[in-house]
C-alpha cells in the first residue's frame, strides 16, 4: 500500500514542471502572437491572440526552473529516482515535461479554432488534457527510462488524468481573480 502512495506522490511531484509551465505563460505573455495574426484555410485564426511566443518561452522556462529545484530537493533528500540531480540528465525529463505542456496547450488551441471556438471560450477537455497528454508523450519519447520509472503504472497515470481538470480549473480561477485572465476557465 505504501508503494502506491509513493508512486502517486512521485507522479505528481515530478509532473509539477508541466503543471506550472501552462499557467506561467499567462504571467510572461508577450506581444508577438504565435500565429503572427494569420488565419487558416477556414478563415479562422490558426491559434488566436491567447498564444504568444513570450508566453510559450516563459512557460517552458518557469517549468524548467521549478523542475531543477524539485529534482535538486529530491536529490538532497536521497531519492532513489535516477536522474535526480545530474543536471544534464535531469534537464531531459524536465524540459520534456515543460515543453510538452506548452506544445499540448498550443495543439489544444489549434483544435479549438478548427472547431470554431474562439480564444478564451471554454473548451472543457480541450483546455485541460492536451497539455498533460503531450507532456507525458514527449517525456516518453525523450526520456523513456524516466517515464518508465515514474509513470509506467496505472496509479501514476490515473492520478495525473484525474487531478488535471480540477487543478487546471482552480489555477484558472486564481488567474482570473488576479486579473491575469479574462475568463475563469
N, C-alpha and C. Protein backbone atom coordinates (compact mmCIF):
# COMPACT_ATOMS: atom_id res chain seq x y z
N UNK A 1 0.82 -1.20 0.00
CA UNK A 1 0.00 0.00 0.00
C UNK A 1 0.86 1.26 0.00
N UNK A 2 1.93 1.23 0.77
CA UNK A 2 2.83 2.39 0.83
C UNK A 2 3.44 2.67 -0.54
N UNK A 3 3.70 1.60 -1.31
CA UNK A 3 4.26 1.78 -2.64
C UNK A 3 3.31 2.56 -3.55
N UNK A 4 2.03 2.32 -3.45
CA UNK A 4 1.05 3.03 -4.28
C UNK A 4 1.07 4.52 -3.94
N UNK A 5 1.10 4.84 -2.64
CA UNK A 5 1.14 6.24 -2.25
C UNK A 5 2.42 6.91 -2.70
N UNK A 6 3.53 6.20 -2.65
CA UNK A 6 4.80 6.75 -3.11
C UNK A 6 4.76 6.96 -4.62
N UNK A 7 4.19 6.02 -5.37
CA UNK A 7 4.05 6.19 -6.82
C UNK A 7 3.20 7.41 -7.15
N UNK A 8 2.10 7.58 -6.43
CA UNK A 8 1.23 8.73 -6.66
C UNK A 8 1.96 10.03 -6.32
N UNK A 9 2.66 10.04 -5.19
CA UNK A 9 3.42 11.23 -4.81
C UNK A 9 4.45 11.57 -5.88
N UNK A 10 5.26 10.59 -6.29
CA UNK A 10 6.28 10.84 -7.31
C UNK A 10 5.66 11.31 -8.61
N UNK A 11 4.55 10.72 -9.01
CA UNK A 11 3.94 11.11 -10.28
C UNK A 11 3.50 12.57 -10.24
N UNK A 12 2.94 13.02 -9.14
CA UNK A 12 2.54 14.42 -9.01
C UNK A 12 3.75 15.34 -8.85
N UNK A 13 4.66 14.95 -8.00
CA UNK A 13 5.85 15.76 -7.71
C UNK A 13 6.65 16.04 -8.98
N UNK A 14 6.95 15.00 -9.73
CA UNK A 14 7.78 15.18 -10.91
C UNK A 14 7.00 15.73 -12.10
N UNK A 15 5.67 15.78 -12.01
CA UNK A 15 4.86 16.36 -13.08
C UNK A 15 4.64 17.86 -12.87
N UNK A 16 5.05 18.39 -11.74
CA UNK A 16 4.85 19.81 -11.46
C UNK A 16 5.43 20.75 -12.52
N UNK A 17 6.58 20.45 -13.15
CA UNK A 17 7.02 21.35 -14.23
C UNK A 17 5.99 21.49 -15.35
N UNK A 18 5.28 20.42 -15.66
CA UNK A 18 4.23 20.50 -16.69
C UNK A 18 3.03 21.28 -16.17
N UNK A 19 2.65 21.02 -14.92
CA UNK A 19 1.52 21.74 -14.34
C UNK A 19 1.80 23.24 -14.21
N UNK A 20 3.04 23.62 -13.95
CA UNK A 20 3.40 25.02 -13.74
C UNK A 20 3.65 25.75 -15.06
N UNK A 21 4.20 25.07 -16.05
CA UNK A 21 4.52 25.72 -17.32
C UNK A 21 3.29 26.36 -17.95
N UNK A 22 2.20 25.62 -17.97
CA UNK A 22 1.00 26.10 -18.65
C UNK A 22 0.47 27.42 -18.09
N UNK A 23 0.19 27.55 -16.80
CA UNK A 23 -0.31 28.83 -16.31
C UNK A 23 0.75 29.92 -16.26
N UNK A 24 2.03 29.56 -16.24
CA UNK A 24 3.09 30.57 -16.23
C UNK A 24 3.12 31.37 -17.52
N UNK A 25 2.61 30.80 -18.59
CA UNK A 25 2.57 31.52 -19.86
C UNK A 25 1.75 32.80 -19.74
N UNK A 26 0.73 32.78 -18.90
CA UNK A 26 -0.10 33.97 -18.69
C UNK A 26 0.71 35.08 -18.04
N UNK A 27 1.65 34.72 -17.19
CA UNK A 27 2.47 35.71 -16.49
C UNK A 27 3.52 36.34 -17.39
N UNK A 28 3.93 35.62 -18.42
CA UNK A 28 5.03 36.08 -19.26
C UNK A 28 4.61 36.38 -20.69
N UNK A 29 3.31 36.49 -20.93
CA UNK A 29 2.86 36.64 -22.32
C UNK A 29 3.48 37.88 -22.96
N UNK A 30 3.71 37.76 -24.24
CA UNK A 30 4.31 38.86 -24.99
C UNK A 30 3.36 39.37 -26.05
N UNK A 31 3.89 40.22 -26.90
CA UNK A 31 3.07 40.82 -27.95
C UNK A 31 3.08 40.04 -29.26
N UNK A 32 4.13 39.25 -29.49
CA UNK A 32 4.23 38.52 -30.75
C UNK A 32 3.42 37.25 -30.67
N UNK A 33 2.33 37.23 -31.41
CA UNK A 33 1.43 36.08 -31.40
C UNK A 33 2.09 34.91 -32.14
N UNK A 34 1.85 33.71 -31.65
CA UNK A 34 2.48 32.53 -32.25
C UNK A 34 2.05 32.32 -33.69
N UNK A 35 0.83 32.70 -34.01
CA UNK A 35 0.36 32.53 -35.39
C UNK A 35 0.58 33.79 -36.23
N UNK A 36 1.23 34.80 -35.64
CA UNK A 36 1.51 36.07 -36.30
C UNK A 36 0.26 36.72 -36.89
N UNK A 37 -0.90 36.44 -36.30
CA UNK A 37 -2.16 37.03 -36.76
C UNK A 37 -2.74 36.36 -38.00
N UNK A 38 -2.15 35.27 -38.42
CA UNK A 38 -2.60 34.61 -39.66
C UNK A 38 -3.81 33.72 -39.40
N UNK A 39 -4.54 33.49 -40.48
CA UNK A 39 -5.72 32.63 -40.43
C UNK A 39 -5.47 31.34 -41.19
N UNK A 40 -6.23 30.33 -40.85
CA UNK A 40 -6.17 29.03 -41.51
C UNK A 40 -7.03 29.09 -42.77
N UNK A 41 -7.08 28.03 -43.53
CA UNK A 41 -7.89 27.99 -44.76
C UNK A 41 -9.35 28.33 -44.51
N UNK A 42 -9.84 27.98 -43.33
CA UNK A 42 -11.24 28.22 -43.00
C UNK A 42 -11.54 29.69 -42.76
N UNK A 43 -10.49 30.51 -42.66
CA UNK A 43 -10.68 31.91 -42.36
C UNK A 43 -10.55 32.21 -40.87
N UNK A 44 -10.53 31.18 -40.06
CA UNK A 44 -10.36 31.36 -38.61
C UNK A 44 -8.87 31.45 -38.29
N UNK A 45 -8.56 32.17 -37.23
CA UNK A 45 -7.17 32.28 -36.80
C UNK A 45 -6.58 30.90 -36.54
N UNK A 46 -5.30 30.77 -36.77
CA UNK A 46 -4.63 29.49 -36.54
C UNK A 46 -4.65 29.14 -35.06
N UNK A 47 -4.25 30.10 -34.21
CA UNK A 47 -4.23 29.87 -32.77
C UNK A 47 -5.02 30.92 -31.99
N UNK A 48 -4.99 32.14 -32.44
CA UNK A 48 -5.69 33.22 -31.74
C UNK A 48 -4.74 34.08 -30.93
N UNK A 49 -5.29 35.13 -30.36
CA UNK A 49 -4.48 36.10 -29.61
C UNK A 49 -3.97 35.58 -28.28
N UNK A 50 -4.50 34.49 -27.80
CA UNK A 50 -4.11 33.97 -26.49
C UNK A 50 -2.78 33.24 -26.46
N UNK A 51 -2.16 33.04 -27.61
CA UNK A 51 -0.89 32.31 -27.67
C UNK A 51 0.21 33.21 -28.21
N UNK A 52 1.20 33.49 -27.36
CA UNK A 52 2.32 34.34 -27.78
C UNK A 52 3.63 33.59 -27.59
N UNK A 53 4.64 34.02 -28.34
CA UNK A 53 5.95 33.40 -28.21
C UNK A 53 6.55 33.68 -26.83
N UNK A 54 6.29 34.87 -26.30
CA UNK A 54 6.79 35.19 -24.96
C UNK A 54 6.17 34.30 -23.90
N UNK A 55 4.87 34.07 -24.01
CA UNK A 55 4.19 33.19 -23.07
C UNK A 55 4.69 31.76 -23.18
N UNK A 56 4.88 31.31 -24.41
CA UNK A 56 5.37 29.94 -24.64
C UNK A 56 6.75 29.76 -24.01
N UNK A 57 7.67 30.68 -24.33
CA UNK A 57 9.03 30.59 -23.79
C UNK A 57 9.03 30.74 -22.27
N UNK A 58 8.24 31.68 -21.77
CA UNK A 58 8.17 31.88 -20.33
C UNK A 58 7.63 30.67 -19.60
N UNK A 59 6.63 30.02 -20.18
CA UNK A 59 6.07 28.82 -19.58
C UNK A 59 7.11 27.70 -19.51
N UNK A 60 7.83 27.51 -20.60
CA UNK A 60 8.88 26.48 -20.61
C UNK A 60 9.95 26.82 -19.58
N UNK A 61 10.36 28.08 -19.52
CA UNK A 61 11.40 28.49 -18.58
C UNK A 61 10.96 28.32 -17.12
N UNK A 62 9.75 28.77 -16.79
CA UNK A 62 9.24 28.60 -15.42
C UNK A 62 9.21 27.12 -15.04
N UNK A 63 8.69 26.29 -15.94
CA UNK A 63 8.62 24.85 -15.67
C UNK A 63 10.00 24.25 -15.48
N UNK A 64 10.95 24.68 -16.31
CA UNK A 64 12.31 24.17 -16.23
C UNK A 64 12.97 24.54 -14.90
N UNK A 65 12.84 25.80 -14.52
CA UNK A 65 13.45 26.25 -13.26
C UNK A 65 12.83 25.50 -12.07
N UNK A 66 11.51 25.40 -12.06
CA UNK A 66 10.86 24.65 -10.98
C UNK A 66 11.34 23.20 -10.98
N UNK A 67 11.45 22.61 -12.15
CA UNK A 67 11.91 21.23 -12.25
C UNK A 67 13.30 21.04 -11.69
N UNK A 68 14.22 21.96 -11.99
CA UNK A 68 15.57 21.87 -11.42
C UNK A 68 15.52 21.93 -9.90
N UNK A 69 14.69 22.81 -9.37
CA UNK A 69 14.56 22.92 -7.91
C UNK A 69 14.01 21.62 -7.33
N UNK A 70 12.95 21.10 -7.94
CA UNK A 70 12.33 19.87 -7.43
C UNK A 70 13.27 18.67 -7.52
N UNK A 71 13.98 18.56 -8.63
CA UNK A 71 14.93 17.45 -8.77
C UNK A 71 16.06 17.61 -7.77
N UNK A 72 16.49 18.86 -7.52
CA UNK A 72 17.53 19.12 -6.52
C UNK A 72 17.08 18.72 -5.13
N UNK A 73 15.83 19.05 -4.79
CA UNK A 73 15.28 18.66 -3.49
C UNK A 73 15.22 17.14 -3.38
N UNK A 74 14.75 16.49 -4.43
CA UNK A 74 14.67 15.02 -4.42
C UNK A 74 16.06 14.41 -4.22
N UNK A 75 17.04 14.99 -4.88
CA UNK A 75 18.42 14.50 -4.73
C UNK A 75 18.92 14.70 -3.31
N UNK A 76 18.69 15.91 -2.77
CA UNK A 76 19.15 16.23 -1.41
C UNK A 76 18.51 15.34 -0.36
N UNK A 77 17.28 14.92 -0.61
CA UNK A 77 16.58 14.06 0.34
C UNK A 77 16.88 12.58 0.12
N UNK A 78 17.76 12.30 -0.83
CA UNK A 78 18.17 10.92 -1.05
C UNK A 78 17.19 10.09 -1.84
N UNK A 79 16.49 10.70 -2.78
CA UNK A 79 15.52 9.98 -3.60
C UNK A 79 16.21 8.83 -4.33
N UNK A 80 15.49 7.74 -4.46
CA UNK A 80 16.03 6.59 -5.19
C UNK A 80 15.78 6.72 -6.69
N UNK A 81 15.12 7.79 -7.10
CA UNK A 81 14.83 8.00 -8.52
C UNK A 81 16.12 8.39 -9.23
N UNK A 82 16.43 7.71 -10.30
CA UNK A 82 17.58 8.09 -11.11
C UNK A 82 17.32 9.45 -11.72
N UNK A 83 18.33 10.09 -12.27
CA UNK A 83 18.23 11.38 -12.94
C UNK A 83 18.10 12.56 -11.98
N UNK A 84 17.98 12.35 -10.67
CA UNK A 84 17.51 13.45 -9.84
C UNK A 84 18.39 14.68 -9.80
N UNK A 85 19.69 14.58 -9.84
CA UNK A 85 20.36 15.87 -9.94
C UNK A 85 21.70 15.84 -10.64
N UNK A 86 21.80 15.11 -11.66
CA UNK A 86 22.89 15.30 -12.60
C UNK A 86 22.24 16.19 -13.66
N UNK A 87 22.58 17.48 -13.64
CA UNK A 87 21.81 18.47 -14.40
C UNK A 87 21.56 18.08 -15.85
N UNK A 88 22.58 17.63 -16.61
CA UNK A 88 22.25 17.25 -17.99
C UNK A 88 21.20 16.13 -18.07
N UNK A 89 21.30 15.15 -17.17
CA UNK A 89 20.30 14.07 -17.18
C UNK A 89 18.94 14.57 -16.71
N UNK A 90 18.92 15.38 -15.66
CA UNK A 90 17.65 15.91 -15.14
C UNK A 90 16.99 16.85 -16.13
N UNK A 91 17.79 17.56 -16.93
CA UNK A 91 17.24 18.52 -17.88
C UNK A 91 16.36 17.87 -18.93
N UNK A 92 16.67 16.65 -19.30
CA UNK A 92 15.90 15.99 -20.36
C UNK A 92 14.45 15.77 -19.92
N UNK A 93 14.18 15.10 -18.80
CA UNK A 93 12.77 14.95 -18.42
C UNK A 93 12.11 16.28 -18.05
N UNK A 94 12.86 17.19 -17.43
CA UNK A 94 12.27 18.47 -17.04
C UNK A 94 11.85 19.26 -18.28
N UNK A 95 12.74 19.38 -19.26
CA UNK A 95 12.39 20.11 -20.48
C UNK A 95 11.28 19.39 -21.25
N UNK A 96 11.31 18.07 -21.25
CA UNK A 96 10.25 17.31 -21.93
C UNK A 96 8.89 17.64 -21.35
N UNK A 97 8.80 17.67 -20.03
CA UNK A 97 7.52 17.97 -19.38
C UNK A 97 7.09 19.41 -19.62
N UNK A 98 8.02 20.36 -19.46
CA UNK A 98 7.68 21.77 -19.64
C UNK A 98 7.33 22.09 -21.09
N UNK A 99 8.17 21.65 -22.00
CA UNK A 99 7.94 21.89 -23.42
C UNK A 99 6.70 21.14 -23.90
N UNK A 100 6.55 19.90 -23.46
CA UNK A 100 5.37 19.12 -23.84
C UNK A 100 4.08 19.77 -23.38
N UNK A 101 4.11 20.34 -22.18
CA UNK A 101 2.93 21.04 -21.66
C UNK A 101 2.55 22.21 -22.56
N UNK A 102 3.55 22.98 -22.96
CA UNK A 102 3.27 24.15 -23.80
C UNK A 102 2.85 23.75 -25.22
N UNK A 103 3.48 22.73 -25.77
CA UNK A 103 3.08 22.25 -27.10
C UNK A 103 1.66 21.72 -27.04
N UNK A 104 1.34 20.96 -26.02
CA UNK A 104 -0.02 20.43 -25.87
C UNK A 104 -1.06 21.53 -25.76
N UNK A 105 -0.73 22.61 -25.06
CA UNK A 105 -1.64 23.75 -24.95
C UNK A 105 -1.87 24.39 -26.32
N UNK A 106 -0.82 24.51 -27.11
CA UNK A 106 -0.94 25.07 -28.46
C UNK A 106 -1.79 24.14 -29.34
N UNK A 107 -1.56 22.84 -29.24
CA UNK A 107 -2.36 21.87 -30.01
C UNK A 107 -3.83 21.98 -29.63
N UNK A 108 -4.11 22.10 -28.34
CA UNK A 108 -5.50 22.28 -27.88
C UNK A 108 -6.13 23.52 -28.48
N UNK A 109 -5.38 24.63 -28.52
CA UNK A 109 -5.89 25.87 -29.12
C UNK A 109 -6.13 25.70 -30.61
N UNK A 110 -5.22 25.03 -31.28
CA UNK A 110 -5.39 24.79 -32.72
C UNK A 110 -6.67 24.01 -32.98
N UNK A 111 -6.91 22.96 -32.21
CA UNK A 111 -8.12 22.15 -32.38
C UNK A 111 -9.36 22.98 -32.07
N UNK A 112 -9.31 23.78 -31.01
CA UNK A 112 -10.45 24.64 -30.67
C UNK A 112 -10.78 25.60 -31.81
N UNK A 113 -9.76 26.20 -32.44
CA UNK A 113 -10.02 27.11 -33.56
C UNK A 113 -10.65 26.36 -34.73
N UNK A 114 -10.21 25.13 -34.98
CA UNK A 114 -10.79 24.36 -36.09
C UNK A 114 -12.24 24.01 -35.80
N UNK A 115 -12.59 23.89 -34.52
CA UNK A 115 -13.97 23.58 -34.14
C UNK A 115 -14.83 24.84 -34.06
N UNK A 116 -14.25 25.99 -34.41
CA UNK A 116 -15.00 27.24 -34.40
C UNK A 116 -15.07 27.92 -33.05
N UNK A 117 -14.27 27.47 -32.11
CA UNK A 117 -14.27 28.07 -30.78
C UNK A 117 -13.28 29.23 -30.74
N UNK A 118 -13.67 30.32 -30.12
CA UNK A 118 -12.80 31.49 -30.06
C UNK A 118 -11.82 31.37 -28.90
N UNK A 119 -10.79 32.23 -28.94
CA UNK A 119 -9.83 32.28 -27.82
C UNK A 119 -10.58 32.63 -26.55
N UNK A 120 -10.28 31.92 -25.50
CA UNK A 120 -10.93 32.17 -24.22
C UNK A 120 -12.23 31.43 -24.03
N UNK A 121 -12.77 30.86 -25.10
CA UNK A 121 -14.02 30.10 -24.97
C UNK A 121 -13.72 28.78 -24.25
N UNK A 122 -14.63 28.39 -23.36
CA UNK A 122 -14.44 27.17 -22.59
C UNK A 122 -14.46 25.96 -23.52
N UNK A 123 -13.36 25.24 -23.55
CA UNK A 123 -13.25 24.06 -24.39
C UNK A 123 -13.27 22.77 -23.60
N UNK A 124 -13.67 22.85 -22.36
CA UNK A 124 -13.74 21.72 -21.44
C UNK A 124 -12.47 20.88 -21.54
N UNK A 125 -12.51 19.69 -22.04
CA UNK A 125 -11.34 18.81 -22.03
C UNK A 125 -10.22 19.31 -22.95
N UNK A 126 -10.55 20.10 -23.97
CA UNK A 126 -9.52 20.64 -24.85
C UNK A 126 -8.67 21.69 -24.15
N UNK A 127 -9.15 22.24 -23.07
CA UNK A 127 -8.36 23.17 -22.28
C UNK A 127 -7.50 22.45 -21.26
N UNK A 128 -7.81 21.21 -20.97
CA UNK A 128 -7.19 20.54 -19.85
C UNK A 128 -6.28 19.37 -20.22
N UNK A 129 -6.73 18.50 -21.09
CA UNK A 129 -5.95 17.29 -21.32
C UNK A 129 -4.82 17.40 -22.34
N UNK A 130 -4.92 18.20 -23.40
CA UNK A 130 -3.81 18.20 -24.36
C UNK A 130 -2.45 18.52 -23.75
N UNK A 131 -2.39 19.48 -22.82
CA UNK A 131 -1.08 19.82 -22.25
C UNK A 131 -0.53 18.66 -21.42
N UNK A 132 -1.38 17.99 -20.66
CA UNK A 132 -0.91 16.89 -19.82
C UNK A 132 -0.52 15.68 -20.67
N UNK A 133 -1.33 15.36 -21.65
CA UNK A 133 -1.03 14.20 -22.50
C UNK A 133 0.22 14.42 -23.34
N UNK A 134 0.38 15.64 -23.87
CA UNK A 134 1.58 15.92 -24.68
C UNK A 134 2.83 15.92 -23.80
N UNK A 135 2.72 16.41 -22.58
CA UNK A 135 3.86 16.38 -21.67
C UNK A 135 4.29 14.93 -21.41
N UNK A 136 3.33 14.06 -21.15
CA UNK A 136 3.65 12.65 -20.93
C UNK A 136 4.23 12.00 -22.18
N UNK A 137 3.65 12.32 -23.34
CA UNK A 137 4.12 11.74 -24.60
C UNK A 137 5.55 12.18 -24.91
N UNK A 138 5.82 13.48 -24.77
CA UNK A 138 7.16 13.98 -25.05
C UNK A 138 8.17 13.41 -24.04
N UNK A 139 7.75 13.28 -22.79
CA UNK A 139 8.61 12.66 -21.78
C UNK A 139 8.95 11.23 -22.18
N UNK A 140 7.95 10.49 -22.65
CA UNK A 140 8.17 9.11 -23.08
C UNK A 140 9.17 9.05 -24.24
N UNK A 141 9.05 9.97 -25.19
CA UNK A 141 9.95 9.97 -26.35
C UNK A 141 11.38 10.38 -25.97
N UNK A 142 11.50 11.42 -25.15
CA UNK A 142 12.82 11.99 -24.87
C UNK A 142 13.55 11.31 -23.71
N UNK A 143 12.80 10.78 -22.78
CA UNK A 143 13.41 10.18 -21.59
C UNK A 143 12.64 8.92 -21.18
N UNK A 144 12.68 7.90 -22.03
CA UNK A 144 11.87 6.71 -21.75
C UNK A 144 12.22 6.04 -20.42
N UNK A 145 13.48 6.08 -20.01
CA UNK A 145 13.85 5.48 -18.73
C UNK A 145 13.16 6.16 -17.57
N UNK A 146 13.15 7.49 -17.58
CA UNK A 146 12.48 8.24 -16.52
C UNK A 146 10.97 8.01 -16.57
N UNK A 147 10.41 8.04 -17.78
CA UNK A 147 8.98 7.80 -17.94
C UNK A 147 8.59 6.44 -17.35
N UNK A 148 9.35 5.41 -17.70
CA UNK A 148 9.03 4.07 -17.21
C UNK A 148 9.21 3.96 -15.70
N UNK A 149 10.19 4.69 -15.17
CA UNK A 149 10.43 4.63 -13.73
C UNK A 149 9.30 5.29 -12.94
N UNK A 150 8.75 6.39 -13.46
CA UNK A 150 7.75 7.15 -12.70
C UNK A 150 6.32 6.89 -13.17
N UNK A 151 6.08 6.84 -14.47
CA UNK A 151 4.71 6.87 -14.99
C UNK A 151 4.21 5.57 -15.60
N UNK A 152 5.03 4.54 -15.63
CA UNK A 152 4.58 3.31 -16.28
C UNK A 152 3.84 2.41 -15.29
N UNK A 153 2.81 2.97 -14.66
CA UNK A 153 1.94 2.20 -13.79
C UNK A 153 0.59 2.90 -13.75
N UNK A 154 -0.44 2.15 -13.50
CA UNK A 154 -1.81 2.69 -13.56
C UNK A 154 -2.04 3.81 -12.56
N UNK A 155 -1.65 3.67 -11.28
CA UNK A 155 -1.93 4.77 -10.34
C UNK A 155 -1.29 6.09 -10.75
N UNK A 156 -0.06 6.05 -11.27
CA UNK A 156 0.64 7.29 -11.65
C UNK A 156 -0.08 8.01 -12.78
N UNK A 157 -0.41 7.29 -13.83
CA UNK A 157 -1.11 7.91 -14.97
C UNK A 157 -2.51 8.34 -14.56
N UNK A 158 -3.18 7.50 -13.81
CA UNK A 158 -4.55 7.80 -13.39
C UNK A 158 -4.61 9.06 -12.54
N UNK A 159 -3.67 9.23 -11.63
CA UNK A 159 -3.71 10.42 -10.78
C UNK A 159 -3.49 11.68 -11.61
N UNK A 160 -2.63 11.63 -12.60
CA UNK A 160 -2.42 12.80 -13.47
C UNK A 160 -3.70 13.11 -14.23
N UNK A 161 -4.35 12.09 -14.78
CA UNK A 161 -5.58 12.31 -15.54
C UNK A 161 -6.74 12.77 -14.67
N UNK A 162 -6.80 12.30 -13.44
CA UNK A 162 -7.89 12.68 -12.54
C UNK A 162 -7.69 14.08 -11.97
N UNK A 163 -6.47 14.42 -11.62
CA UNK A 163 -6.24 15.70 -10.95
C UNK A 163 -6.14 16.87 -11.93
N UNK A 164 -5.82 16.60 -13.20
CA UNK A 164 -5.62 17.69 -14.15
C UNK A 164 -6.84 18.60 -14.30
N UNK A 165 -8.06 18.10 -14.55
CA UNK A 165 -9.19 19.03 -14.72
C UNK A 165 -9.47 19.93 -13.51
N UNK A 166 -9.59 19.40 -12.29
CA UNK A 166 -9.87 20.32 -11.18
C UNK A 166 -8.71 21.26 -10.86
N UNK A 167 -7.48 20.77 -11.02
CA UNK A 167 -6.33 21.63 -10.77
C UNK A 167 -6.27 22.75 -11.80
N UNK A 168 -6.49 22.41 -13.06
CA UNK A 168 -6.49 23.39 -14.14
C UNK A 168 -7.55 24.46 -13.88
N UNK A 169 -8.72 24.03 -13.49
CA UNK A 169 -9.82 24.96 -13.19
C UNK A 169 -9.46 25.88 -12.02
N UNK A 170 -8.92 25.31 -10.95
CA UNK A 170 -8.56 26.10 -9.77
C UNK A 170 -7.50 27.15 -10.11
N UNK A 171 -6.49 26.76 -10.86
CA UNK A 171 -5.43 27.70 -11.24
C UNK A 171 -6.00 28.81 -12.12
N UNK A 172 -6.91 28.47 -13.02
CA UNK A 172 -7.50 29.49 -13.88
C UNK A 172 -8.38 30.46 -13.09
N UNK A 173 -9.07 29.97 -12.08
CA UNK A 173 -9.87 30.85 -11.22
C UNK A 173 -8.95 31.84 -10.50
N UNK A 174 -7.82 31.34 -10.01
CA UNK A 174 -6.85 32.23 -9.35
C UNK A 174 -6.34 33.28 -10.34
N UNK A 175 -5.99 32.85 -11.55
CA UNK A 175 -5.53 33.79 -12.57
C UNK A 175 -6.59 34.82 -12.92
N UNK A 176 -7.83 34.42 -12.96
CA UNK A 176 -8.94 35.33 -13.23
C UNK A 176 -9.09 36.35 -12.11
N UNK A 177 -9.02 35.88 -10.89
CA UNK A 177 -9.14 36.79 -9.73
C UNK A 177 -7.96 37.74 -9.63
N UNK A 178 -6.82 37.31 -10.13
CA UNK A 178 -5.64 38.18 -10.14
C UNK A 178 -5.66 39.13 -11.34
N UNK A 179 -6.71 39.03 -12.15
CA UNK A 179 -6.89 39.85 -13.35
C UNK A 179 -5.82 39.56 -14.42
N UNK A 180 -5.30 38.33 -14.42
CA UNK A 180 -4.34 37.91 -15.44
C UNK A 180 -5.03 37.16 -16.57
N UNK A 181 -6.26 36.72 -16.32
CA UNK A 181 -7.06 36.03 -17.34
C UNK A 181 -8.42 36.71 -17.43
N UNK A 182 -8.98 36.72 -18.63
CA UNK A 182 -10.27 37.39 -18.82
C UNK A 182 -11.45 36.47 -18.50
N UNK A 183 -11.20 35.18 -18.42
CA UNK A 183 -12.25 34.21 -18.09
C UNK A 183 -11.71 33.22 -17.06
N UNK A 184 -12.58 32.66 -16.21
CA UNK A 184 -12.09 31.76 -15.16
C UNK A 184 -11.94 30.30 -15.58
N UNK A 185 -11.74 30.00 -16.86
CA UNK A 185 -11.52 28.60 -17.26
C UNK A 185 -10.32 28.46 -18.14
